[in-house]
C-alpha atoms as a PDB file:
ATOM      1  CA  MET A   1      -0.150  -0.081   0.145  1.00  0.00           C
ATOM      2  CA  GLU A   2       2.853   2.798   0.721  1.00  0.00           C
ATOM      3  CA  THR A   3       4.476   1.542  -3.092  1.00  0.00           C
ATOM      4  CA  PHE A   4       1.152   3.039  -4.046  1.00  0.00           C
ATOM      5  CA  GLN A   5       0.912   6.168  -2.036  1.00  0.00           C
ATOM      6  CA  GLU A   6       4.888   6.873  -2.812  1.00  0.00           C
ATOM      7  CA  SER A   7       3.873   6.408  -6.771  1.00  0.00           C
ATOM      8  CA  PHE A   8       1.014   8.682  -6.313  1.00  0.00           C
ATOM      9  CA  ASN A   9       3.142  10.937  -4.292  1.00  0.00           C
ATOM     10  CA  ALA A  10       5.435  10.821  -7.142  1.00  0.00           C
ATOM     11  CA  VAL A  11       2.811  11.555  -9.962  1.00  0.00           C
ATOM     12  CA  PHE A  12       1.519  14.250  -8.141  1.00  0.00           C
ATOM     13  CA  ASN A  13       4.589  15.946  -7.433  1.00  0.00           C
ATOM     14  CA  THR A  14       5.614  15.324 -11.438  1.00  0.00           C
ATOM     15  CA  ILE A  15       2.242  17.430 -12.132  1.00  0.00           C
ATOM     16  CA  ASN A  16       3.122  20.032 -10.038  1.00  0.00           C
ATOM     17  CA  GLU A  17       6.698  20.525 -11.611  1.00  0.00           C
ATOM     18  CA  ILE A  18       5.116  20.798 -14.680  1.00  0.00           C
ATOM     19  CA  SER A  19       2.479  22.825 -13.935  1.00  0.00           C
ATOM     20  CA  ALA A  20       4.569  25.213 -12.678  1.00  0.00           C
ATOM     21  CA  ASN A  21       7.307  24.893 -15.477  1.00  0.00           C
ATOM     22  CA  ARG A  22       4.242  26.126 -17.428  1.00  0.00           C
ATOM     23  CA  LYS A  23       3.342  29.031 -15.510  1.00  0.00           C
ATOM     24  CA  THR A  24       6.842  30.240 -16.318  1.00  0.00           C
ATOM     25  CA  LEU A  25       6.796  29.021 -19.984  1.00  0.00           C
ATOM     26  CA  THR A  26       3.489  31.363 -20.177  1.00  0.00           C
ATOM     27  CA  ASP A  27       4.972  33.998 -18.337  1.00  0.00           C
ATOM     28  CA  ASN A  28       7.953  34.045 -20.479  1.00  0.00           C
ATOM     29  CA  VAL A  29       5.967  34.061 -23.913  1.00  0.00           C
ATOM     30  CA  LYS A  30       3.543  36.806 -22.341  1.00  0.00           C
ATOM     31  CA  ALA A  31       6.994  39.398 -21.728  1.00  0.00           C
ATOM     32  CA  LEU A  32       8.354  38.180 -25.496  1.00  0.00           C
ATOM     33  CA  ARG A  33       5.271  39.689 -26.971  1.00  0.00           C
ATOM     34  CA  ARG A  34       5.716  42.788 -24.985  1.00  0.00           C
ATOM     35  CA  ASP A  35       8.827  43.285 -25.812  1.00  0.00           C
ATOM     36  CA  MET A  36       7.979  42.472 -29.563  1.00  0.00           C
ATOM     37  CA  LYS A  37       5.333  44.967 -29.478  1.00  0.00           C
ATOM     38  CA  VAL A  38       7.611  47.507 -27.857  1.00  0.00           C
ATOM     39  CA  LEU A  39      10.136  47.259 -30.342  1.00  0.00           C
ATOM     40  CA  TYR A  40       8.078  47.035 -33.476  1.00  0.00           C
ATOM     41  CA  LYS A  41       6.143  50.342 -32.080  1.00  0.00           C
ATOM     42  CA  SER A  42       9.420  52.590 -31.981  1.00  0.00           C
ATOM     43  CA  SER A  43      10.508  50.926 -35.019  1.00  0.00           C
ATOM     44  CA  ALA A  44       7.013  52.464 -37.009  1.00  0.00           C
ATOM     45  CA  LYS A  45       7.510  55.574 -35.739  1.00  0.00           C
ATOM     46  CA  LYS A  46      10.530  57.231 -37.820  1.00  0.00           C
ATOM     47  CA  PRO A  47       9.156  60.132 -38.818  1.00  0.00           C
ATOM     48  CA  THR A  48       8.182  60.285 -42.521  1.00  0.00           C
ATOM     49  CA  GLU A  49      10.752  62.795 -44.444  1.00  0.00           C
ATOM     50  CA  LYS A  50       8.299  66.094 -45.894  1.00  0.00           C
ATOM     51  CA  LYS A  51       9.258  65.633 -49.651  1.00  0.00           C
ATOM     52  CA  GLU A  52      10.172  69.401 -50.757  1.00  0.00           C
ATOM     53  CA  GLN A  53       7.552  71.732 -52.593  1.00  0.00           C
ATOM     54  CA  PRO A  54       9.340  72.840 -56.295  1.00  0.00           C
ATOM     55  CA  LYS A  55       9.832  76.439 -55.855  1.00  0.00           C
ATOM     56  CA  MET A  56       7.921  77.845 -59.380  1.00  0.00           C
ATOM     57  CA  ASN A  57       7.668  80.907 -61.137  1.00  0.00           C
ATOM     58  CA  LEU A  58       5.145  84.081 -60.599  1.00  0.00           C
ATOM     59  CA  SER A  59       2.922  85.157 -62.968  1.00  0.00           C
ATOM     60  CA  ARG A  60       3.191  89.560 -63.335  1.00  0.00           C
ATOM     61  CA  ASP A  61      -0.150  89.470 -61.413  1.00  0.00           C
ATOM     62  CA  LEU A  62       0.367  87.430 -58.550  1.00  0.00           C
ATOM     63  CA  GLU A  63       3.829  88.945 -58.214  1.00  0.00           C
ATOM     64  CA  LYS A  64       2.363  92.546 -57.631  1.00  0.00           C
ATOM     65  CA  PHE A  65       0.060  91.314 -55.818  1.00  0.00           C
ATOM     66  CA  LEU A  66       2.317  89.710 -53.067  1.00  0.00           C
ATOM     67  CA  SER A  67       4.823  92.394 -53.554  1.00  0.00           C
ATOM     68  CA  VAL A  68       7.417  90.612 -54.645  1.00  0.00           C
ATOM     69  CA  SER A  69      10.921  91.088 -57.077  1.00  0.00           C
ATOM     70  CA  GLN A  70       9.943  90.736 -60.619  1.00  0.00           C
ATOM     71  CA  GLY A  71      11.637  86.417 -61.325  1.00  0.00           C
ATOM     72  CA  THR A  72      11.229  85.385 -57.851  1.00  0.00           C
ATOM     73  CA  GLN A  73      10.084  81.956 -56.876  1.00  0.00           C
ATOM     74  CA  MET A  74       8.144  80.426 -55.018  1.00  0.00           C
ATOM     75  CA  THR A  75       6.518  77.338 -53.956  1.00  0.00           C
ATOM     76  CA  LYS A  76       2.748  77.008 -53.729  1.00  0.00           C
ATOM     77  CA  ALA A  77       3.343  76.988 -50.038  1.00  0.00           C
ATOM     78  CA  GLU A  78       5.204  80.144 -49.316  1.00  0.00           C
ATOM     79  CA  VAL A  79       2.087  81.624 -52.337  1.00  0.00           C
ATOM     80  CA  MET A  80      -0.637  80.393 -49.766  1.00  0.00           C
ATOM     81  CA  LYS A  81       0.730  81.738 -47.084  1.00  0.00           C
ATOM     82  CA  GLY A  82       1.427  85.160 -48.888  1.00  0.00           C
ATOM     83  CA  VAL A  83      -2.176  85.139 -50.254  1.00  0.00           C
ATOM     84  CA  SER A  84      -3.305  84.278 -46.391  1.00  0.00           C
ATOM     85  CA  GLU A  85      -1.438  87.117 -45.006  1.00  0.00           C
ATOM     86  CA  TYR A  86      -2.532  89.748 -47.794  1.00  0.00           C
ATOM     87  CA  ILE A  87      -6.552  88.497 -46.543  1.00  0.00           C
ATOM     88  CA  LYS A  88      -5.942  89.442 -43.110  1.00  0.00           C
ATOM     89  CA  THR A  89      -4.263  92.553 -42.640  1.00  0.00           C
ATOM     90  CA  LYS A  90      -6.624  93.827 -45.081  1.00  0.00           C
ATOM     91  CA  GLY A  91      -9.577  92.656 -42.565  1.00  0.00           C
ATOM     92  CA  LEU A  92     -11.452  89.899 -45.319  1.00  0.00           C
ATOM     93  CA  GLN A  93     -12.018  87.498 -42.913  1.00  0.00           C
ATOM     94  CA  ILE A  94     -15.742  86.837 -42.272  1.00  0.00           C
ATOM     95  CA  GLU A  95     -16.401  87.677 -38.544  1.00  0.00           C
ATOM     96  CA  SER A  96     -18.188  84.604 -37.962  1.00  0.00           C
ATOM     97  CA  ASN A  97     -16.468  82.409 -40.072  1.00  0.00           C
ATOM     98  CA  LYS A  98     -12.641  83.059 -39.916  1.00  0.00           C
ATOM     99  CA  ARG A  99     -12.094  80.622 -42.630  1.00  0.00           C
ATOM    100  CA  LYS A 100     -13.949  82.202 -44.882  1.00  0.00           C
ATOM    101  CA  PHE A 101     -13.197  85.622 -46.825  1.00  0.00           C
ATOM    102  CA  SER A 102     -14.601  88.194 -49.020  1.00  0.00           C
ATOM    103  CA  PRO A 103     -12.316  88.900 -51.768  1.00  0.00           C
ATOM    104  CA  ASP A 104     -11.590  93.057 -52.521  1.00  0.00           C
ATOM    105  CA  THR A 105     -10.703  94.416 -55.587  1.00  0.00           C
ATOM    106  CA  LYS A 106      -7.515  93.954 -56.267  1.00  0.00           C
ATOM    107  CA  MET A 107      -8.331  90.206 -55.116  1.00  0.00           C
ATOM    108  CA  SER A 108     -11.106  89.616 -57.636  1.00  0.00           C
ATOM    109  CA  LYS A 109      -8.656  91.459 -60.527  1.00  0.00           C
ATOM    110  CA  VAL A 110      -6.198  89.144 -59.843  1.00  0.00           C
ATOM    111  CA  PHE A 111      -7.277  85.890 -59.157  1.00  0.00           C
ATOM    112  CA  ASN A 112     -10.847  86.629 -61.429  1.00  0.00           C
ATOM    113  CA  ILE A 113     -13.370  86.160 -58.518  1.00  0.00           C
ATOM    114  CA  ASP A 114     -16.337  87.975 -58.091  1.00  0.00           C
ATOM    115  CA  LYS A 115     -16.076  90.209 -55.251  1.00  0.00           C
ATOM    116  CA  LYS A 116     -19.419  89.250 -54.216  1.00  0.00           C
ATOM    117  CA  ASN A 117     -19.341  86.048 -52.873  1.00  0.00           C
ATOM    118  CA  GLN A 118     -17.543  84.605 -50.367  1.00  0.00           C
ATOM    119  CA  PHE A 119     -14.742  81.801 -50.504  1.00  0.00           C
ATOM    120  CA  SER A 120     -12.926  79.415 -48.420  1.00  0.00           C
ATOM    121  CA  PHE A 121      -9.080  79.582 -48.660  1.00  0.00           C
ATOM    122  CA  VAL A 122      -8.869  76.159 -49.359  1.00  0.00           C
ATOM    123  CA  GLU A 123     -11.372  77.637 -52.266  1.00  0.00           C
ATOM    124  CA  ILE A 124      -8.330  80.112 -53.281  1.00  0.00           C
ATOM    125  CA  ASN A 125      -5.895  77.444 -54.042  1.00  0.00           C
ATOM    126  CA  LYS A 126      -7.931  76.487 -56.900  1.00  0.00           C
ATOM    127  CA  HIS A 127      -7.328  80.407 -57.977  1.00  0.00           C
ATOM    128  CA  VAL A 128      -4.036  80.916 -57.044  1.00  0.00           C
ATOM    129  CA  SER A 129      -2.631  77.028 -59.021  1.00  0.00           C
ATOM    130  CA  SER A 130      -3.385  79.246 -62.394  1.00  0.00           C
ATOM    131  CA  HIS A 131      -0.934  81.896 -61.801  1.00  0.00           C
ATOM    132  CA  LEU A 132       2.349  79.257 -61.082  1.00  0.00           C
ATOM    133  CA  SER A 133       4.551  77.637 -63.847  1.00  0.00           C
ATOM    134  CA  LYS A 134       7.506  75.116 -63.275  1.00  0.00           C
ATOM    135  CA  CYS A 135      10.415  77.027 -63.725  1.00  0.00           C
END
């Protein structure tokens, strides 16, 4: 009878050891997964390089409008910034919606837009394009 009891105890001890080893292995796998996620996220967050915009030639009307010297080349972003500054300094923005503006006479002539309408800054982008040409 004692030998059976010893045999059962030996089997139960083996089972307990296997269970403890399984728990340790499971914890190790979880830690590895966490480390892999951290490593993957840190490598995935590399900053993307911004593509540099090409400088373009401006039409004579746009050069006069932006008050730049003849032959000046600018990126579209620089031109849009200049137009935006003009709108803000002249107070052409609509008070109730600052994303819109009403063009003055000078703007309406340069961009061939109706003075009576309201435009958004995104819409003026289309009109600026016709005044830019590649080198």
